[in-house]
């Protein structure tokens, strides 16, 4: 029997981009309120689902679905505008 190994690919296209959540999010350290700002660390695909790792300005970090966040400005545009 052949078992295929599944690879996880980390997507850094939006690394450093600012975002905010569009709905309250559950977190083991307490809920992350709606409209909390954060910085995208990376994106990935897992079991056929797209996920985004976000470092929130509150000090928490969590994996969220892309539909849970709103992209504010891509990192390249933010760096150029600074």
N, C-alpha and C. Protein backbone atom coordinates (compact mmCIF):
# COMPACT_ATOMS: atom_id res chain seq x y z
N UNK A 1 0.84 -1.18 0.00
CA UNK A 1 0.00 0.00 0.00
C UNK A 1 0.88 1.24 0.00
N UNK A 2 0.61 2.14 -0.91
CA UNK A 2 1.35 3.39 -1.01
C UNK A 2 0.62 4.49 -0.25
N UNK A 3 1.35 5.21 0.56
CA UNK A 3 0.78 6.34 1.29
C UNK A 3 1.44 7.60 0.77
N UNK A 4 0.63 8.53 0.29
CA UNK A 4 1.18 9.79 -0.21
C UNK A 4 1.39 10.75 0.95
N UNK A 5 2.53 11.38 0.93
CA UNK A 5 2.83 12.38 1.95
C UNK A 5 2.29 13.72 1.49
N UNK A 6 1.53 14.37 2.37
CA UNK A 6 0.98 15.69 2.03
C UNK A 6 1.94 16.76 2.50
N UNK A 7 2.20 17.72 1.64
CA UNK A 7 3.11 18.82 1.99
C UNK A 7 2.31 20.07 2.32
N UNK A 8 2.81 20.81 3.27
CA UNK A 8 2.21 22.09 3.62
C UNK A 8 3.06 23.19 2.99
N UNK A 9 2.41 24.09 2.28
CA UNK A 9 3.11 25.20 1.63
C UNK A 9 2.77 26.49 2.37
N UNK A 10 3.79 27.20 2.79
CA UNK A 10 3.60 28.49 3.45
C UNK A 10 3.62 29.58 2.38
N UNK A 11 2.59 30.41 2.39
CA UNK A 11 2.45 31.50 1.42
C UNK A 11 2.80 32.81 2.13
N UNK A 12 3.87 33.47 1.69
CA UNK A 12 4.31 34.71 2.32
C UNK A 12 3.99 35.95 1.47
N UNK A 13 3.07 35.80 0.51
CA UNK A 13 2.69 36.90 -0.37
C UNK A 13 2.19 38.11 0.42
N UNK A 14 1.41 37.88 1.47
CA UNK A 14 0.83 38.98 2.24
C UNK A 14 1.52 39.20 3.58
N UNK A 15 2.68 38.59 3.80
CA UNK A 15 3.42 38.77 5.04
C UNK A 15 3.69 40.25 5.29
N UNK A 16 3.37 40.72 6.48
CA UNK A 16 3.58 42.12 6.84
C UNK A 16 2.41 43.02 6.53
N UNK A 17 1.42 42.51 5.81
CA UNK A 17 0.24 43.33 5.48
C UNK A 17 -0.63 43.51 6.71
N UNK A 18 -1.24 44.67 6.81
CA UNK A 18 -2.13 44.97 7.93
C UNK A 18 -3.54 44.50 7.59
N UNK A 19 -4.25 44.07 8.63
CA UNK A 19 -5.62 43.61 8.44
C UNK A 19 -6.41 43.90 9.71
N UNK A 20 -7.71 43.67 9.64
CA UNK A 20 -8.56 43.72 10.83
C UNK A 20 -9.60 42.63 10.68
N UNK A 21 -10.08 42.12 11.81
CA UNK A 21 -11.09 41.07 11.73
C UNK A 21 -12.47 41.68 11.57
N UNK A 22 -13.31 40.98 10.82
CA UNK A 22 -14.65 41.50 10.51
C UNK A 22 -15.72 40.90 11.42
N UNK A 23 -15.33 40.00 12.31
CA UNK A 23 -16.26 39.40 13.27
C UNK A 23 -15.46 38.99 14.50
N UNK A 24 -16.11 38.86 15.65
CA UNK A 24 -15.39 38.38 16.84
C UNK A 24 -14.82 36.98 16.58
N UNK A 25 -13.63 36.71 17.11
CA UNK A 25 -12.97 35.43 16.91
C UNK A 25 -12.70 34.76 18.25
N UNK A 26 -12.93 33.46 18.30
CA UNK A 26 -12.62 32.69 19.51
C UNK A 26 -11.11 32.52 19.62
N UNK A 27 -10.59 32.60 20.84
CA UNK A 27 -9.17 32.41 21.10
C UNK A 27 -9.05 31.82 22.50
N UNK A 28 -8.12 30.89 22.72
CA UNK A 28 -7.98 30.28 24.06
C UNK A 28 -7.74 31.29 25.18
N UNK A 29 -7.12 32.43 24.85
CA UNK A 29 -6.84 33.45 25.85
C UNK A 29 -7.94 34.49 25.98
N UNK A 30 -9.09 34.24 25.37
CA UNK A 30 -10.21 35.20 25.38
C UNK A 30 -10.52 35.65 23.97
N UNK A 31 -11.74 36.04 23.76
CA UNK A 31 -12.20 36.43 22.41
C UNK A 31 -11.39 37.61 21.86
N UNK A 32 -11.25 37.62 20.56
CA UNK A 32 -10.63 38.75 19.86
C UNK A 32 -11.78 39.56 19.28
N UNK A 33 -11.97 40.76 19.80
CA UNK A 33 -13.11 41.59 19.42
C UNK A 33 -13.07 41.98 17.94
N UNK A 34 -14.25 42.25 17.41
CA UNK A 34 -14.39 42.71 16.03
C UNK A 34 -13.61 44.02 15.84
N UNK A 35 -13.06 44.22 14.68
CA UNK A 35 -12.27 45.40 14.30
C UNK A 35 -10.96 45.51 15.07
N UNK A 36 -10.41 44.38 15.50
CA UNK A 36 -9.07 44.37 16.09
C UNK A 36 -8.07 44.32 14.95
N UNK A 37 -7.05 45.14 15.02
CA UNK A 37 -6.05 45.21 13.95
C UNK A 37 -4.93 44.21 14.20
N UNK A 38 -4.30 43.78 13.11
CA UNK A 38 -3.21 42.83 13.22
C UNK A 38 -2.33 42.86 11.99
N UNK A 39 -1.28 42.05 12.03
CA UNK A 39 -0.32 41.93 10.93
C UNK A 39 -0.27 40.47 10.49
N UNK A 40 -0.38 40.25 9.20
CA UNK A 40 -0.35 38.89 8.67
C UNK A 40 1.07 38.35 8.73
N UNK A 41 1.22 37.16 9.32
CA UNK A 41 2.52 36.50 9.38
C UNK A 41 2.72 35.62 8.14
N UNK A 42 1.71 34.81 7.80
CA UNK A 42 1.78 33.98 6.60
C UNK A 42 0.41 33.37 6.31
N UNK A 43 0.27 32.81 5.13
CA UNK A 43 -0.93 32.08 4.76
C UNK A 43 -0.55 30.64 4.45
N UNK A 44 -1.51 29.74 4.53
CA UNK A 44 -1.23 28.34 4.22
C UNK A 44 -2.50 27.61 3.84
N UNK A 45 -2.35 26.46 3.24
CA UNK A 45 -3.47 25.60 2.90
C UNK A 45 -3.35 24.35 3.74
N UNK A 46 -4.44 23.95 4.39
CA UNK A 46 -4.44 22.77 5.24
C UNK A 46 -5.75 22.03 5.04
N UNK A 47 -5.66 20.76 4.63
CA UNK A 47 -6.85 19.93 4.41
C UNK A 47 -7.84 20.59 3.45
N UNK A 48 -7.30 21.26 2.43
CA UNK A 48 -8.15 21.89 1.43
C UNK A 48 -8.72 23.23 1.84
N UNK A 49 -8.30 23.76 2.99
CA UNK A 49 -8.79 25.06 3.46
C UNK A 49 -7.65 26.06 3.49
N UNK A 50 -7.93 27.29 3.08
CA UNK A 50 -6.94 28.37 3.20
C UNK A 50 -7.03 28.94 4.60
N UNK A 51 -5.86 29.16 5.22
CA UNK A 51 -5.78 29.74 6.56
C UNK A 51 -4.74 30.85 6.55
N UNK A 52 -4.91 31.82 7.45
CA UNK A 52 -3.99 32.94 7.57
C UNK A 52 -3.59 33.07 9.04
N UNK A 53 -2.27 33.14 9.30
CA UNK A 53 -1.77 33.35 10.65
C UNK A 53 -1.62 34.85 10.85
N UNK A 54 -2.29 35.37 11.88
CA UNK A 54 -2.28 36.81 12.14
C UNK A 54 -1.74 37.08 13.54
N UNK A 55 -0.83 38.03 13.66
CA UNK A 55 -0.35 38.53 14.95
C UNK A 55 -1.18 39.76 15.26
N UNK A 56 -2.08 39.65 16.24
CA UNK A 56 -2.99 40.75 16.58
C UNK A 56 -2.27 41.80 17.43
N UNK A 57 -2.69 43.05 17.31
CA UNK A 57 -2.09 44.14 18.07
C UNK A 57 -2.30 43.97 19.58
N UNK A 58 -3.21 43.10 19.98
CA UNK A 58 -3.46 42.84 21.40
C UNK A 58 -2.43 41.89 22.00
N UNK A 59 -1.52 41.37 21.17
CA UNK A 59 -0.51 40.44 21.65
C UNK A 59 -0.85 38.98 21.39
N UNK A 60 -2.05 38.72 20.95
CA UNK A 60 -2.46 37.35 20.64
C UNK A 60 -2.11 37.04 19.19
N UNK A 61 -2.07 35.76 18.86
CA UNK A 61 -1.86 35.31 17.48
C UNK A 61 -2.83 34.17 17.23
N UNK A 62 -3.38 34.11 16.02
CA UNK A 62 -4.32 33.03 15.72
C UNK A 62 -4.39 32.76 14.23
N UNK A 63 -4.82 31.53 13.92
CA UNK A 63 -5.09 31.14 12.54
C UNK A 63 -6.54 31.46 12.26
N UNK A 64 -6.79 32.14 11.14
CA UNK A 64 -8.16 32.51 10.78
C UNK A 64 -8.40 32.18 9.31
N UNK A 65 -9.66 32.12 8.93
CA UNK A 65 -10.01 31.97 7.53
C UNK A 65 -9.90 33.33 6.85
N UNK A 66 -9.55 33.38 5.57
CA UNK A 66 -9.47 34.67 4.87
C UNK A 66 -10.76 35.49 4.95
N UNK A 67 -11.91 34.83 5.05
CA UNK A 67 -13.18 35.54 5.14
C UNK A 67 -13.37 36.20 6.51
N UNK A 68 -12.51 35.88 7.49
CA UNK A 68 -12.61 36.47 8.83
C UNK A 68 -11.89 37.81 8.93
N UNK A 69 -11.08 38.15 7.92
CA UNK A 69 -10.30 39.38 7.99
C UNK A 69 -10.52 40.25 6.75
N UNK A 70 -10.20 41.52 6.91
CA UNK A 70 -10.23 42.48 5.81
C UNK A 70 -8.81 43.01 5.65
N UNK A 71 -8.27 42.91 4.45
CA UNK A 71 -6.93 43.39 4.17
C UNK A 71 -6.96 44.91 4.09
N UNK A 72 -6.09 45.59 4.84
CA UNK A 72 -6.09 47.05 4.86
C UNK A 72 -5.16 47.63 3.81
N UNK A 73 -3.92 47.16 3.76
CA UNK A 73 -2.96 47.64 2.77
C UNK A 73 -1.89 46.58 2.61
N UNK A 74 -1.59 46.15 1.39
CA UNK A 74 -0.50 45.19 1.20
C UNK A 74 0.80 45.75 1.75
N UNK A 75 1.70 44.89 2.19
CA UNK A 75 2.97 45.30 2.80
C UNK A 75 3.78 46.17 1.86
N UNK A 76 3.79 45.88 0.57
CA UNK A 76 4.58 46.66 -0.39
C UNK A 76 4.06 48.09 -0.45
N UNK A 77 2.74 48.27 -0.53
CA UNK A 77 2.17 49.62 -0.57
C UNK A 77 2.42 50.35 0.74
N UNK A 78 2.32 49.63 1.86
CA UNK A 78 2.54 50.25 3.17
C UNK A 78 3.99 50.74 3.28
N UNK A 79 4.94 49.94 2.79
CA UNK A 79 6.35 50.32 2.85
C UNK A 79 6.65 51.52 1.96
N UNK A 80 6.02 51.58 0.80
CA UNK A 80 6.24 52.69 -0.13
C UNK A 80 5.66 53.98 0.43
N UNK A 81 4.50 53.87 1.10
CA UNK A 81 3.83 55.05 1.63
C UNK A 81 4.46 55.58 2.91
N UNK A 82 5.35 54.83 3.52
CA UNK A 82 5.94 55.24 4.81
C UNK A 82 7.03 56.26 4.62
